[in-house]
C-alpha cells in the first residue's frame, strides 16, 4: 500500500473512532472539511478520500452543499443496513428475532448495573406506558437490551438490521395490540439473570411484531 493509501486509512480510522465513541453520533453533521484537515493534520485530498471511502461503506453521507452526515456507527452497520433495506421486511424481522433472542440470553448473563439503568430508562421513556407507540421508542428499548449482551459483533450486526427495520416498520401499521407491556417478562428475566426465560421472552415479543406486520401486509 502506498503512503497516501495508508494516510487515508489512518484518517478514516480516526473518524470511525470519533463516531464509535459518540463524539459524532449517528445523524450528526461532521465539522467542516477545513476544521477536520486542521485537527488531523492531513492534506485536503487525503481527507476527501477518507470521507469518500466511509461514504462508500455507508458510514457517512455526503450531501453536496449540505455537508457530511453520520449514517452508521461502523462499516458493518452501514453496509448491512443498505443491503437489508432492499430486503423483504418479514425476512429482516426474522433475522432480527434471531439476534434479539441470543442478545437477551447474553444480557441475562452479562448485564451490569449500568446496563440495567439504560434498559429501565428506555422502558420508562416508552410512550406505550400511556397507550401510545412509536417505532423509534421500541427500537431504543430493544437496542439497550442488545447492548447489554456485551457482544460487539452482535451489536454491530444488530445496528445494521435496526436501520432497515426502522424504515420498514415506519411504513406499515403494527396494529393496536402491540404495546410496551409485552416486554415486562423480558426485562424481568434479564434482571433475574435467567437466560433461558430471557431468550423465550425476546422471541415472544418479536413474534408479536411479526404477526402484526403479517396482518398489515395481508
N, C-alpha and C. Protein backbone atom coordinates (compact mmCIF):
# COMPACT_ATOMS: atom_id res chain seq x y z
N UNK A 1 0.84 -1.20 0.00
CA UNK A 1 0.00 0.00 0.00
C UNK A 1 0.88 1.25 0.00
N UNK A 2 0.50 2.25 -0.77
CA UNK A 2 1.26 3.48 -0.87
C UNK A 2 1.12 4.30 0.41
N UNK A 3 2.04 5.28 0.55
CA UNK A 3 1.96 6.17 1.72
C UNK A 3 0.64 6.92 1.75
N UNK A 4 0.17 7.36 0.58
CA UNK A 4 -1.09 8.09 0.53
C UNK A 4 -2.26 7.21 0.95
N UNK A 5 -2.21 5.93 0.53
CA UNK A 5 -3.26 4.99 0.92
C UNK A 5 -3.28 4.75 2.42
N UNK A 6 -2.09 4.65 3.02
CA UNK A 6 -2.01 4.46 4.46
C UNK A 6 -2.55 5.67 5.21
N UNK A 7 -2.26 6.86 4.69
CA UNK A 7 -2.76 8.08 5.33
C UNK A 7 -4.29 8.14 5.28
N UNK A 8 -4.84 7.74 4.14
CA UNK A 8 -6.30 7.71 4.02
C UNK A 8 -6.89 6.75 5.04
N UNK A 9 -6.29 5.57 5.18
CA UNK A 9 -6.78 4.58 6.15
C UNK A 9 -6.71 5.12 7.57
N UNK A 10 -5.62 5.83 7.89
CA UNK A 10 -5.45 6.37 9.23
C UNK A 10 -6.52 7.42 9.52
N UNK A 11 -6.77 8.29 8.54
CA UNK A 11 -7.79 9.33 8.73
C UNK A 11 -9.18 8.70 8.86
N UNK A 12 -9.48 7.73 8.00
CA UNK A 12 -10.78 7.05 8.07
C UNK A 12 -10.95 6.38 9.43
N UNK A 13 -9.88 5.75 9.94
CA UNK A 13 -9.95 5.09 11.25
C UNK A 13 -10.19 6.12 12.36
N UNK A 14 -9.58 7.29 12.23
CA UNK A 14 -9.77 8.33 13.24
C UNK A 14 -11.21 8.83 13.25
N UNK A 15 -11.79 8.96 12.09
CA UNK A 15 -13.19 9.39 12.00
C UNK A 15 -14.11 8.31 12.58
N UNK A 16 -13.84 7.04 12.23
CA UNK A 16 -14.63 5.94 12.78
C UNK A 16 -14.56 5.90 14.30
N UNK A 17 -13.36 6.14 14.84
CA UNK A 17 -13.19 6.12 16.29
C UNK A 17 -14.01 7.22 16.94
N UNK A 18 -14.00 8.41 16.34
CA UNK A 18 -14.78 9.52 16.88
C UNK A 18 -16.27 9.21 16.85
N UNK A 19 -16.71 8.51 15.81
CA UNK A 19 -18.12 8.13 15.71
C UNK A 19 -18.47 7.09 16.76
N UNK A 20 -17.62 6.07 16.89
CA UNK A 20 -17.91 4.96 17.81
C UNK A 20 -17.90 5.41 19.26
N UNK A 21 -17.12 6.45 19.59
CA UNK A 21 -17.07 6.93 20.97
C UNK A 21 -18.14 7.96 21.27
N UNK A 22 -18.95 8.29 20.26
CA UNK A 22 -20.07 9.19 20.49
C UNK A 22 -19.78 10.65 20.25
N UNK A 23 -18.57 10.98 19.83
CA UNK A 23 -18.28 12.39 19.55
C UNK A 23 -19.16 12.90 18.41
N UNK A 24 -19.31 12.08 17.39
CA UNK A 24 -20.20 12.39 16.28
C UNK A 24 -21.20 11.25 16.15
N UNK A 25 -22.30 11.29 16.85
CA UNK A 25 -23.27 10.19 16.83
C UNK A 25 -23.99 10.09 15.49
N UNK A 26 -24.64 8.95 15.28
CA UNK A 26 -25.41 8.74 14.06
C UNK A 26 -26.46 9.84 13.93
N UNK A 27 -26.52 10.44 12.73
CA UNK A 27 -27.45 11.52 12.47
C UNK A 27 -26.83 12.90 12.58
N UNK A 28 -25.64 12.98 13.17
CA UNK A 28 -25.00 14.28 13.35
C UNK A 28 -24.21 14.69 12.11
N UNK A 29 -23.88 15.95 12.05
CA UNK A 29 -23.12 16.50 10.93
C UNK A 29 -21.66 16.67 11.34
N UNK A 30 -20.74 16.22 10.48
CA UNK A 30 -19.33 16.39 10.76
C UNK A 30 -18.93 17.86 10.67
N UNK A 31 -17.86 18.24 11.37
CA UNK A 31 -17.36 19.62 11.23
C UNK A 31 -16.95 19.90 9.79
N UNK A 32 -16.80 21.16 9.42
CA UNK A 32 -16.38 21.49 8.06
C UNK A 32 -15.04 20.84 7.71
N UNK A 33 -14.84 20.63 6.43
CA UNK A 33 -13.61 19.99 5.96
C UNK A 33 -12.37 20.72 6.46
N UNK A 34 -12.38 22.04 6.42
CA UNK A 34 -11.21 22.80 6.85
C UNK A 34 -10.86 22.53 8.32
N UNK A 35 -11.88 22.38 9.15
CA UNK A 35 -11.65 22.10 10.57
C UNK A 35 -11.07 20.71 10.76
N UNK A 36 -11.58 19.72 10.00
CA UNK A 36 -11.07 18.35 10.12
C UNK A 36 -9.63 18.26 9.63
N UNK A 37 -9.34 18.94 8.52
CA UNK A 37 -7.98 18.94 7.97
C UNK A 37 -7.00 19.51 8.99
N UNK A 38 -7.39 20.59 9.63
CA UNK A 38 -6.52 21.22 10.63
C UNK A 38 -6.36 20.34 11.86
N UNK A 39 -7.44 19.75 12.30
CA UNK A 39 -7.38 18.90 13.51
C UNK A 39 -6.51 17.68 13.31
N UNK A 40 -6.65 17.02 12.16
CA UNK A 40 -5.92 15.77 11.92
C UNK A 40 -4.57 15.99 11.24
N UNK A 41 -4.32 17.20 10.81
CA UNK A 41 -3.02 17.50 10.24
C UNK A 41 -2.73 16.77 8.94
N UNK A 42 -3.72 16.69 8.07
CA UNK A 42 -3.55 15.99 6.80
C UNK A 42 -3.92 16.91 5.64
N UNK A 43 -3.58 16.48 4.44
CA UNK A 43 -3.90 17.26 3.25
C UNK A 43 -5.39 17.16 2.95
N UNK A 44 -5.90 18.17 2.26
CA UNK A 44 -7.31 18.20 1.91
C UNK A 44 -7.70 16.98 1.06
N UNK A 45 -6.85 16.59 0.13
CA UNK A 45 -7.15 15.44 -0.72
C UNK A 45 -7.25 14.15 0.09
N UNK A 46 -6.37 14.01 1.09
CA UNK A 46 -6.41 12.83 1.96
C UNK A 46 -7.73 12.77 2.72
N UNK A 47 -8.16 13.91 3.24
CA UNK A 47 -9.43 13.97 3.96
C UNK A 47 -10.59 13.60 3.04
N UNK A 48 -10.58 14.12 1.83
CA UNK A 48 -11.68 13.83 0.91
C UNK A 48 -11.73 12.36 0.53
N UNK A 49 -10.55 11.74 0.36
CA UNK A 49 -10.52 10.31 0.04
C UNK A 49 -11.04 9.48 1.20
N UNK A 50 -10.69 9.88 2.42
CA UNK A 50 -11.16 9.14 3.60
C UNK A 50 -12.68 9.26 3.74
N UNK A 51 -13.20 10.45 3.52
CA UNK A 51 -14.65 10.66 3.59
C UNK A 51 -15.34 9.87 2.49
N UNK A 52 -14.74 9.87 1.29
CA UNK A 52 -15.34 9.12 0.18
C UNK A 52 -15.38 7.62 0.49
N UNK A 53 -14.31 7.10 1.10
CA UNK A 53 -14.27 5.67 1.45
C UNK A 53 -15.33 5.33 2.48
N UNK A 54 -15.50 6.19 3.47
CA UNK A 54 -16.51 5.93 4.51
C UNK A 54 -17.92 6.10 3.96
N UNK A 55 -18.08 6.98 2.99
CA UNK A 55 -19.39 7.13 2.35
C UNK A 55 -19.73 5.88 1.55
N UNK A 56 -18.73 5.31 0.87
CA UNK A 56 -18.93 4.08 0.11
C UNK A 56 -19.31 2.93 1.03
N UNK A 57 -18.77 2.96 2.26
CA UNK A 57 -19.06 1.90 3.24
C UNK A 57 -20.39 2.12 3.95
N UNK A 58 -21.06 3.25 3.67
CA UNK A 58 -22.35 3.50 4.30
C UNK A 58 -22.26 4.17 5.65
N UNK A 59 -21.04 4.56 6.07
CA UNK A 59 -20.88 5.20 7.37
C UNK A 59 -21.23 6.68 7.29
N UNK A 60 -20.84 7.33 6.20
CA UNK A 60 -21.10 8.75 6.01
C UNK A 60 -21.97 8.99 4.79
N UNK A 61 -22.61 10.13 4.76
CA UNK A 61 -23.38 10.56 3.59
C UNK A 61 -22.94 11.96 3.23
N UNK A 62 -22.47 12.13 2.00
CA UNK A 62 -22.02 13.44 1.53
C UNK A 62 -23.17 14.12 0.81
N UNK A 63 -23.63 15.21 1.36
CA UNK A 63 -24.73 15.96 0.77
C UNK A 63 -24.16 17.24 0.16
N UNK A 64 -24.07 17.25 -1.14
CA UNK A 64 -23.42 18.36 -1.84
C UNK A 64 -24.08 19.69 -1.48
N UNK A 65 -23.28 20.56 -0.92
CA UNK A 65 -23.78 21.85 -0.47
C UNK A 65 -24.38 21.81 0.92
N UNK A 66 -24.50 20.60 1.50
CA UNK A 66 -25.14 20.47 2.81
C UNK A 66 -24.26 19.85 3.87
N UNK A 67 -23.05 19.44 3.52
CA UNK A 67 -22.14 18.87 4.49
C UNK A 67 -22.10 17.35 4.49
N UNK A 68 -21.43 16.80 5.48
CA UNK A 68 -21.25 15.35 5.61
C UNK A 68 -21.93 14.88 6.90
N UNK A 69 -22.76 13.85 6.80
CA UNK A 69 -23.52 13.35 7.94
C UNK A 69 -23.17 11.91 8.27
N UNK A 70 -23.27 11.58 9.56
CA UNK A 70 -23.01 10.22 10.02
C UNK A 70 -24.27 9.38 9.82
N UNK A 71 -24.13 8.28 9.08
CA UNK A 71 -25.27 7.42 8.78
C UNK A 71 -25.24 6.11 9.55
N UNK A 72 -24.06 5.69 10.01
CA UNK A 72 -23.93 4.41 10.73
C UNK A 72 -22.73 4.50 11.65
N UNK A 73 -22.73 3.65 12.67
CA UNK A 73 -21.65 3.67 13.65
C UNK A 73 -20.42 2.89 13.21
N UNK A 74 -20.55 2.08 12.16
CA UNK A 74 -19.42 1.29 11.68
C UNK A 74 -19.69 0.87 10.24
N UNK A 75 -18.63 0.46 9.51
CA UNK A 75 -18.84 -0.04 8.15
C UNK A 75 -19.76 -1.25 8.10
N UNK A 76 -19.67 -2.12 9.10
CA UNK A 76 -20.55 -3.29 9.14
C UNK A 76 -22.01 -2.84 9.19
N UNK A 77 -22.28 -1.90 10.08
CA UNK A 77 -23.65 -1.39 10.22
C UNK A 77 -24.12 -0.70 8.94
N UNK A 78 -23.23 0.09 8.35
CA UNK A 78 -23.61 0.83 7.16
C UNK A 78 -23.91 -0.06 5.97
N UNK A 79 -23.00 -0.99 5.67
CA UNK A 79 -23.19 -1.86 4.52
C UNK A 79 -24.36 -2.82 4.73
N UNK A 80 -24.48 -3.34 5.95
CA UNK A 80 -25.58 -4.26 6.24
C UNK A 80 -26.92 -3.54 6.17
N UNK A 81 -26.95 -2.34 6.71
CA UNK A 81 -28.20 -1.57 6.67
C UNK A 81 -28.64 -1.30 5.25
N UNK A 82 -27.70 -0.95 4.37
CA UNK A 82 -28.05 -0.69 2.97
C UNK A 82 -28.52 -1.95 2.27
N UNK A 83 -27.87 -3.08 2.57
CA UNK A 83 -28.27 -4.34 1.95
C UNK A 83 -29.66 -4.76 2.42
N UNK A 84 -29.90 -4.69 3.72
CA UNK A 84 -31.18 -5.16 4.25
C UNK A 84 -32.33 -4.22 3.90
N UNK A 85 -32.02 -2.95 3.65
CA UNK A 85 -33.07 -2.02 3.27
C UNK A 85 -33.74 -2.44 1.97
N UNK A 86 -33.05 -3.26 1.18
CA UNK A 86 -33.61 -3.75 -0.08
C UNK A 86 -34.34 -5.07 0.10
N UNK A 87 -34.34 -5.61 1.31
CA UNK A 87 -34.92 -6.93 1.54
C UNK A 87 -36.37 -6.87 1.96
N UNK A 88 -36.98 -8.03 2.04
CA UNK A 88 -38.36 -8.17 2.48
C UNK A 88 -38.44 -7.91 3.99
N UNK A 89 -39.41 -7.12 4.42
CA UNK A 89 -39.49 -6.74 5.82
C UNK A 89 -39.64 -7.95 6.73
N UNK A 90 -40.38 -8.98 6.31
CA UNK A 90 -40.55 -10.16 7.15
C UNK A 90 -39.26 -10.97 7.25
N UNK A 91 -38.48 -11.01 6.17
CA UNK A 91 -37.19 -11.68 6.22
C UNK A 91 -36.26 -10.97 7.20
N UNK A 92 -36.27 -9.65 7.15
CA UNK A 92 -35.40 -8.88 8.03
C UNK A 92 -35.85 -9.03 9.49
N UNK A 93 -37.16 -9.05 9.72
CA UNK A 93 -37.66 -9.25 11.07
C UNK A 93 -37.30 -10.62 11.61
N UNK A 94 -37.29 -11.62 10.74
CA UNK A 94 -36.88 -12.97 11.17
C UNK A 94 -35.42 -12.98 11.61
N UNK A 95 -34.58 -12.28 10.84
CA UNK A 95 -33.17 -12.15 11.23
C UNK A 95 -33.05 -11.40 12.55
N UNK A 96 -33.81 -10.33 12.69
CA UNK A 96 -33.77 -9.56 13.93
C UNK A 96 -34.19 -10.42 15.12
N UNK A 97 -35.17 -11.29 14.92
CA UNK A 97 -35.64 -12.15 16.01
C UNK A 97 -34.50 -13.03 16.52
N UNK A 98 -33.76 -13.64 15.58
CA UNK A 98 -32.65 -14.50 15.98
C UNK A 98 -31.59 -13.76 16.76
N UNK A 99 -31.28 -12.54 16.33
CA UNK A 99 -30.28 -11.74 17.02
C UNK A 99 -30.76 -11.35 18.41
N UNK A 100 -32.02 -10.95 18.53
CA UNK A 100 -32.53 -10.49 19.82
C UNK A 100 -32.66 -11.63 20.82
N UNK A 101 -32.99 -12.81 20.34
CA UNK A 101 -33.08 -13.96 21.25
C UNK A 101 -31.72 -14.25 21.87
N UNK A 102 -30.68 -14.28 21.03
CA UNK A 102 -29.33 -14.54 21.55
C UNK A 102 -28.85 -13.39 22.42
N UNK A 103 -29.15 -12.15 22.01
CA UNK A 103 -28.73 -10.99 22.79
C UNK A 103 -29.38 -10.99 24.18
N UNK A 104 -30.66 -11.36 24.24
CA UNK A 104 -31.35 -11.42 25.53
C UNK A 104 -30.73 -12.48 26.44
N UNK A 105 -30.38 -13.61 25.83
CA UNK A 105 -29.74 -14.67 26.61
C UNK A 105 -28.41 -14.17 27.21
N UNK A 106 -27.62 -13.49 26.38
CA UNK A 106 -26.33 -12.97 26.85
C UNK A 106 -26.52 -11.84 27.85
N UNK A 107 -27.51 -10.97 27.61
CA UNK A 107 -27.75 -9.85 28.52
C UNK A 107 -28.10 -10.35 29.92
N UNK A 108 -28.85 -11.44 29.99
CA UNK A 108 -29.21 -12.02 31.29
C UNK A 108 -27.97 -12.51 32.03
N UNK A 109 -26.97 -12.91 31.27
CA UNK A 109 -25.74 -13.44 31.88
C UNK A 109 -24.71 -12.36 32.18
N UNK A 110 -24.68 -11.31 31.34
CA UNK A 110 -23.55 -10.38 31.38
C UNK A 110 -23.89 -8.96 31.83
N UNK A 111 -25.15 -8.63 32.03
CA UNK A 111 -25.50 -7.23 32.26
C UNK A 111 -24.86 -6.67 33.51
N UNK A 112 -24.62 -5.37 33.46
CA UNK A 112 -24.07 -4.62 34.60
C UNK A 112 -25.17 -3.73 35.17
N UNK A 113 -24.94 -3.16 36.34
CA UNK A 113 -25.93 -2.20 36.87
C UNK A 113 -26.17 -1.04 35.90
N UNK A 114 -25.13 -0.60 35.20
CA UNK A 114 -25.29 0.48 34.23
C UNK A 114 -26.18 0.05 33.06
N UNK A 115 -26.03 -1.20 32.63
CA UNK A 115 -26.89 -1.72 31.57
C UNK A 115 -28.35 -1.70 31.99
N UNK A 116 -28.61 -2.16 33.22
CA UNK A 116 -29.99 -2.18 33.70
C UNK A 116 -30.56 -0.76 33.80
N UNK A 117 -29.72 0.19 34.17
CA UNK A 117 -30.19 1.57 34.25
C UNK A 117 -30.59 2.07 32.87
N UNK A 118 -29.81 1.73 31.84
CA UNK A 118 -30.15 2.17 30.48
C UNK A 118 -31.42 1.48 29.98
N UNK A 119 -31.58 0.19 30.31
CA UNK A 119 -32.78 -0.53 29.90
C UNK A 119 -34.01 0.10 30.54
N UNK A 120 -33.92 0.40 31.82
CA UNK A 120 -35.07 0.98 32.52
C UNK A 120 -35.35 2.40 32.04
N UNK A 121 -34.30 3.14 31.68
CA UNK A 121 -34.51 4.49 31.16
C UNK A 121 -35.28 4.43 29.84
N UNK A 122 -34.90 3.48 28.98
CA UNK A 122 -35.62 3.31 27.70
C UNK A 122 -37.04 2.82 27.94
N UNK A 123 -37.20 1.95 28.91
CA UNK A 123 -38.51 1.41 29.27
C UNK A 123 -39.43 2.52 29.79
N UNK A 124 -38.91 3.33 30.70
CA UNK A 124 -39.73 4.39 31.30
C UNK A 124 -40.05 5.50 30.31
N UNK A 125 -39.20 5.69 29.31
CA UNK A 125 -39.43 6.73 28.31
C UNK A 125 -40.38 6.29 27.22
N UNK A 126 -40.73 5.01 27.19
CA UNK A 126 -41.56 4.48 26.10
C UNK A 126 -42.99 5.01 26.23
N UNK A 127 -43.52 5.64 25.17
CA UNK A 127 -44.89 6.18 25.23
C UNK A 127 -45.95 5.11 25.34
N UNK A 128 -45.57 3.85 25.16
CA UNK A 128 -46.53 2.76 25.30
C UNK A 128 -47.13 2.67 26.69
N UNK A 129 -46.44 3.26 27.66
CA UNK A 129 -46.97 3.25 29.03
C UNK A 129 -48.29 4.03 29.14
N UNK A 130 -48.49 4.93 28.20
CA UNK A 130 -49.73 5.71 28.24
C UNK A 130 -50.58 5.42 27.01
N UNK A 131 -50.39 4.23 26.43
CA UNK A 131 -51.25 3.79 25.34
C UNK A 131 -50.75 4.11 23.96
N UNK A 132 -49.64 4.84 23.84
CA UNK A 132 -49.11 5.18 22.52
C UNK A 132 -48.05 4.19 22.07
N UNK A 133 -47.53 4.42 20.87
CA UNK A 133 -46.45 3.57 20.38
C UNK A 133 -45.70 4.31 19.28
N UNK A 134 -44.38 4.27 19.35
CA UNK A 134 -43.57 4.75 18.24
C UNK A 134 -42.52 3.71 17.94
N UNK A 135 -42.21 3.54 16.67
CA UNK A 135 -41.20 2.56 16.27
C UNK A 135 -39.86 2.90 16.92
N UNK A 136 -39.51 4.20 16.91
CA UNK A 136 -38.21 4.61 17.43
C UNK A 136 -38.06 4.28 18.91
N UNK A 137 -39.12 4.49 19.70
CA UNK A 137 -39.05 4.20 21.13
C UNK A 137 -38.90 2.70 21.37
N UNK A 138 -39.61 1.90 20.58
CA UNK A 138 -39.48 0.46 20.71
C UNK A 138 -38.08 -0.01 20.37
N UNK A 139 -37.51 0.57 19.31
CA UNK A 139 -36.17 0.19 18.90
C UNK A 139 -35.14 0.57 19.96
N UNK A 140 -35.32 1.74 20.59
CA UNK A 140 -34.39 2.18 21.63
C UNK A 140 -34.38 1.20 22.80
N UNK A 141 -35.55 0.70 23.14
CA UNK A 141 -35.65 -0.27 24.22
C UNK A 141 -34.92 -1.56 23.86
N UNK A 142 -35.17 -2.06 22.64
CA UNK A 142 -34.52 -3.30 22.23
C UNK A 142 -33.01 -3.12 22.09
N UNK A 143 -32.58 -1.96 21.59
CA UNK A 143 -31.15 -1.73 21.44
C UNK A 143 -30.45 -1.71 22.79
N UNK A 144 -31.09 -1.15 23.81
CA UNK A 144 -30.48 -1.12 25.14
C UNK A 144 -30.27 -2.54 25.66
N UNK A 145 -31.17 -3.45 25.31
CA UNK A 145 -31.03 -4.85 25.73
C UNK A 145 -29.90 -5.52 24.95
N UNK A 146 -29.85 -5.28 23.65
CA UNK A 146 -28.80 -5.88 22.83
C UNK A 146 -27.42 -5.40 23.28
N UNK A 147 -27.31 -4.12 23.60
CA UNK A 147 -26.02 -3.59 24.06
C UNK A 147 -25.60 -4.21 25.39
N UNK A 148 -26.57 -4.66 26.18
CA UNK A 148 -26.25 -5.32 27.45
C UNK A 148 -25.67 -6.71 27.25
N UNK A 149 -25.68 -7.21 26.01
CA UNK A 149 -25.08 -8.52 25.72
C UNK A 149 -23.57 -8.46 25.77
N UNK A 150 -23.01 -7.27 25.56
CA UNK A 150 -21.56 -7.06 25.53
C UNK A 150 -20.88 -7.95 24.49
N UNK A 151 -21.59 -8.22 23.40
CA UNK A 151 -21.02 -8.94 22.26
C UNK A 151 -20.90 -7.93 21.12
N UNK A 152 -19.70 -7.44 20.88
CA UNK A 152 -19.52 -6.32 19.94
C UNK A 152 -19.93 -6.69 18.52
N UNK A 153 -19.66 -7.93 18.10
CA UNK A 153 -20.04 -8.34 16.75
C UNK A 153 -21.55 -8.37 16.61
N UNK A 154 -22.23 -8.93 17.60
CA UNK A 154 -23.69 -8.99 17.56
C UNK A 154 -24.29 -7.58 17.54
N UNK A 155 -23.72 -6.68 18.33
CA UNK A 155 -24.23 -5.31 18.40
C UNK A 155 -24.07 -4.61 17.06
N UNK A 156 -22.91 -4.79 16.41
CA UNK A 156 -22.69 -4.16 15.10
C UNK A 156 -23.70 -4.65 14.08
N UNK A 157 -23.90 -5.97 14.03
CA UNK A 157 -24.85 -6.53 13.06
C UNK A 157 -26.26 -6.06 13.38
N UNK A 158 -26.61 -6.04 14.66
CA UNK A 158 -27.95 -5.64 15.05
C UNK A 158 -28.24 -4.20 14.66
N UNK A 159 -27.26 -3.32 14.81
CA UNK A 159 -27.47 -1.92 14.43
C UNK A 159 -27.77 -1.79 12.94
N UNK A 160 -27.10 -2.63 12.13
CA UNK A 160 -27.38 -2.62 10.70
C UNK A 160 -28.79 -3.10 10.41
N UNK A 161 -29.21 -4.13 11.11
CA UNK A 161 -30.58 -4.64 10.96
C UNK A 161 -31.58 -3.59 11.43
N UNK A 162 -31.25 -2.91 12.52
CA UNK A 162 -32.15 -1.93 13.11
C UNK A 162 -32.48 -0.82 12.12
N UNK A 163 -31.48 -0.35 11.39
CA UNK A 163 -31.71 0.73 10.43
C UNK A 163 -32.72 0.31 9.37
N UNK A 164 -32.59 -0.91 8.88
CA UNK A 164 -33.51 -1.39 7.85
C UNK A 164 -34.91 -1.62 8.42
N UNK A 165 -34.98 -2.19 9.61
CA UNK A 165 -36.28 -2.50 10.21
C UNK A 165 -37.04 -1.22 10.60
N UNK A 166 -36.33 -0.21 11.09
CA UNK A 166 -36.98 1.03 11.48
C UNK A 166 -37.69 1.65 10.30
N UNK A 167 -37.00 1.70 9.16
CA UNK A 167 -37.63 2.26 7.96
C UNK A 167 -38.83 1.43 7.52
N UNK A 168 -38.69 0.12 7.58
CA UNK A 168 -39.77 -0.77 7.12
C UNK A 168 -40.98 -0.67 8.01
N UNK A 169 -40.79 -0.69 9.33
CA UNK A 169 -41.91 -0.65 10.26
C UNK A 169 -42.60 0.71 10.25
N UNK A 170 -41.85 1.75 9.94
CA UNK A 170 -42.47 3.08 9.88
C UNK A 170 -43.47 3.18 8.74
N UNK A 171 -43.32 2.30 7.76
CA UNK A 171 -44.19 2.36 6.58
C UNK A 171 -45.42 1.47 6.71
N UNK A 172 -45.49 0.67 7.80
CA UNK A 172 -46.64 -0.21 7.97
C UNK A 172 -47.24 0.01 9.35
N UNK A 173 -48.47 -0.44 9.53
CA UNK A 173 -49.13 -0.32 10.83
C UNK A 173 -48.94 -1.61 11.61
N UNK A 174 -48.48 -1.49 12.88
CA UNK A 174 -48.32 -2.68 13.70
C UNK A 174 -49.57 -3.01 14.49
N UNK A 175 -50.58 -2.17 14.37
CA UNK A 175 -51.86 -2.51 14.98
C UNK A 175 -51.96 -2.11 16.43
N UNK A 176 -53.17 -2.07 16.96
CA UNK A 176 -53.39 -1.59 18.32
C UNK A 176 -52.99 -2.59 19.40
N UNK A 177 -52.72 -3.85 19.03
CA UNK A 177 -52.42 -4.84 20.06
C UNK A 177 -50.99 -4.86 20.53
N UNK A 178 -50.13 -4.00 19.95
CA UNK A 178 -48.71 -4.03 20.28
C UNK A 178 -48.38 -2.91 21.25
N UNK A 179 -47.94 -3.25 22.44
CA UNK A 179 -47.62 -2.21 23.40
C UNK A 179 -46.50 -2.66 24.31
N UNK A 180 -46.02 -1.75 25.11
CA UNK A 180 -44.79 -1.95 25.86
C UNK A 180 -44.91 -3.03 26.94
N UNK A 181 -46.10 -3.31 27.44
CA UNK A 181 -46.25 -4.30 28.50
C UNK A 181 -45.77 -5.68 28.09
N UNK A 182 -45.75 -5.95 26.79
CA UNK A 182 -45.31 -7.26 26.33
C UNK A 182 -43.82 -7.47 26.59
N UNK A 183 -43.10 -6.43 27.00
CA UNK A 183 -41.67 -6.56 27.27
C UNK A 183 -41.38 -6.77 28.76
N UNK A 184 -42.40 -6.72 29.61
CA UNK A 184 -42.17 -6.89 31.05
C UNK A 184 -41.47 -8.21 31.37
N UNK A 185 -41.94 -9.36 30.83
CA UNK A 185 -41.27 -10.62 31.15
C UNK A 185 -39.81 -10.66 30.70
N UNK A 186 -39.52 -10.00 29.58
CA UNK A 186 -38.16 -9.97 29.07
C UNK A 186 -37.24 -9.21 30.01
N UNK A 187 -37.65 -8.04 30.42
CA UNK A 187 -36.82 -7.23 31.33
C UNK A 187 -36.66 -7.93 32.68
N UNK A 188 -37.74 -8.53 33.16
CA UNK A 188 -37.67 -9.24 34.44
C UNK A 188 -36.69 -10.40 34.38
N UNK A 189 -36.70 -11.15 33.28
CA UNK A 189 -35.81 -12.30 33.14
C UNK A 189 -34.35 -11.85 33.08
N UNK A 190 -34.09 -10.73 32.43
CA UNK A 190 -32.72 -10.20 32.39
C UNK A 190 -32.28 -9.80 33.79
N UNK A 191 -33.13 -9.10 34.51
CA UNK A 191 -32.80 -8.68 35.88
C UNK A 191 -32.52 -9.89 36.77
N UNK A 192 -33.29 -10.97 36.58
CA UNK A 192 -33.15 -12.16 37.41
C UNK A 192 -32.03 -13.09 36.96
N UNK A 193 -31.32 -12.68 35.87
CA UNK A 193 -30.24 -13.48 35.30
C UNK A 193 -30.70 -14.88 34.94
N UNK A 194 -31.84 -14.91 34.24
CA UNK A 194 -32.43 -16.16 33.77
C UNK A 194 -32.32 -16.18 32.25
N UNK A 195 -31.23 -16.71 31.69
CA UNK A 195 -31.01 -16.62 30.24
C UNK A 195 -32.05 -17.36 29.40
N UNK A 196 -32.50 -18.51 29.85
CA UNK A 196 -33.47 -19.27 29.07
C UNK A 196 -34.81 -18.52 28.98
N UNK A 197 -35.26 -17.97 30.09
CA UNK A 197 -36.52 -17.22 30.09
C UNK A 197 -36.37 -15.92 29.30
N UNK A 198 -35.21 -15.29 29.40
CA UNK A 198 -34.97 -14.06 28.64
C UNK A 198 -35.05 -14.34 27.14
N UNK A 199 -34.44 -15.44 26.72
CA UNK A 199 -34.48 -15.81 25.30
C UNK A 199 -35.91 -16.10 24.86
N UNK A 200 -36.66 -16.81 25.69
CA UNK A 200 -38.05 -17.13 25.33
C UNK A 200 -38.89 -15.87 25.23
N UNK A 201 -38.71 -14.96 26.19
CA UNK A 201 -39.49 -13.72 26.20
C UNK A 201 -39.13 -12.82 25.01
N UNK A 202 -37.86 -12.80 24.65
CA UNK A 202 -37.44 -11.99 23.50
C UNK A 202 -38.08 -12.52 22.22
N UNK A 203 -38.08 -13.85 22.08
CA UNK A 203 -38.72 -14.45 20.91
C UNK A 203 -40.21 -14.16 20.86
N UNK A 204 -40.87 -14.22 22.01
CA UNK A 204 -42.31 -13.97 22.06
C UNK A 204 -42.63 -12.53 21.70
N UNK A 205 -41.79 -11.58 22.16
CA UNK A 205 -42.02 -10.17 21.85
C UNK A 205 -41.90 -9.91 20.36
N UNK A 206 -40.91 -10.53 19.72
CA UNK A 206 -40.73 -10.35 18.27
C UNK A 206 -41.81 -11.07 17.48
N UNK A 207 -42.29 -12.20 18.00
CA UNK A 207 -43.39 -12.89 17.32
C UNK A 207 -44.62 -11.99 17.22
N UNK A 208 -44.85 -11.20 18.27
CA UNK A 208 -45.98 -10.26 18.25
C UNK A 208 -45.82 -9.24 17.13
N UNK A 209 -44.61 -8.73 16.98
CA UNK A 209 -44.34 -7.75 15.92
C UNK A 209 -44.52 -8.39 14.54
N UNK A 210 -43.93 -9.59 14.38
CA UNK A 210 -44.02 -10.27 13.09
C UNK A 210 -45.48 -10.57 12.72
N UNK A 211 -46.26 -11.04 13.69
CA UNK A 211 -47.67 -11.32 13.43
C UNK A 211 -48.41 -10.05 13.02
N UNK A 212 -48.12 -8.94 13.70
CA UNK A 212 -48.79 -7.67 13.39
C UNK A 212 -48.44 -7.20 11.98
N UNK A 213 -47.17 -7.34 11.61
CA UNK A 213 -46.75 -6.93 10.27
C UNK A 213 -47.38 -7.82 9.21
N UNK A 214 -47.43 -9.11 9.48
CA UNK A 214 -48.06 -10.04 8.54
C UNK A 214 -49.52 -9.66 8.30
N UNK A 215 -50.22 -9.28 9.39
CA UNK A 215 -51.63 -8.88 9.23
C UNK A 215 -51.74 -7.59 8.43
N UNK A 216 -50.80 -6.67 8.65
CA UNK A 216 -50.88 -5.39 7.95
C UNK A 216 -50.58 -5.54 6.47
N UNK A 217 -49.83 -6.57 6.11
CA UNK A 217 -49.45 -6.79 4.72
C UNK A 217 -50.42 -7.72 3.99
N UNK A 218 -51.32 -8.34 4.75
CA UNK A 218 -52.24 -9.31 4.14
C UNK A 218 -53.25 -8.62 3.22
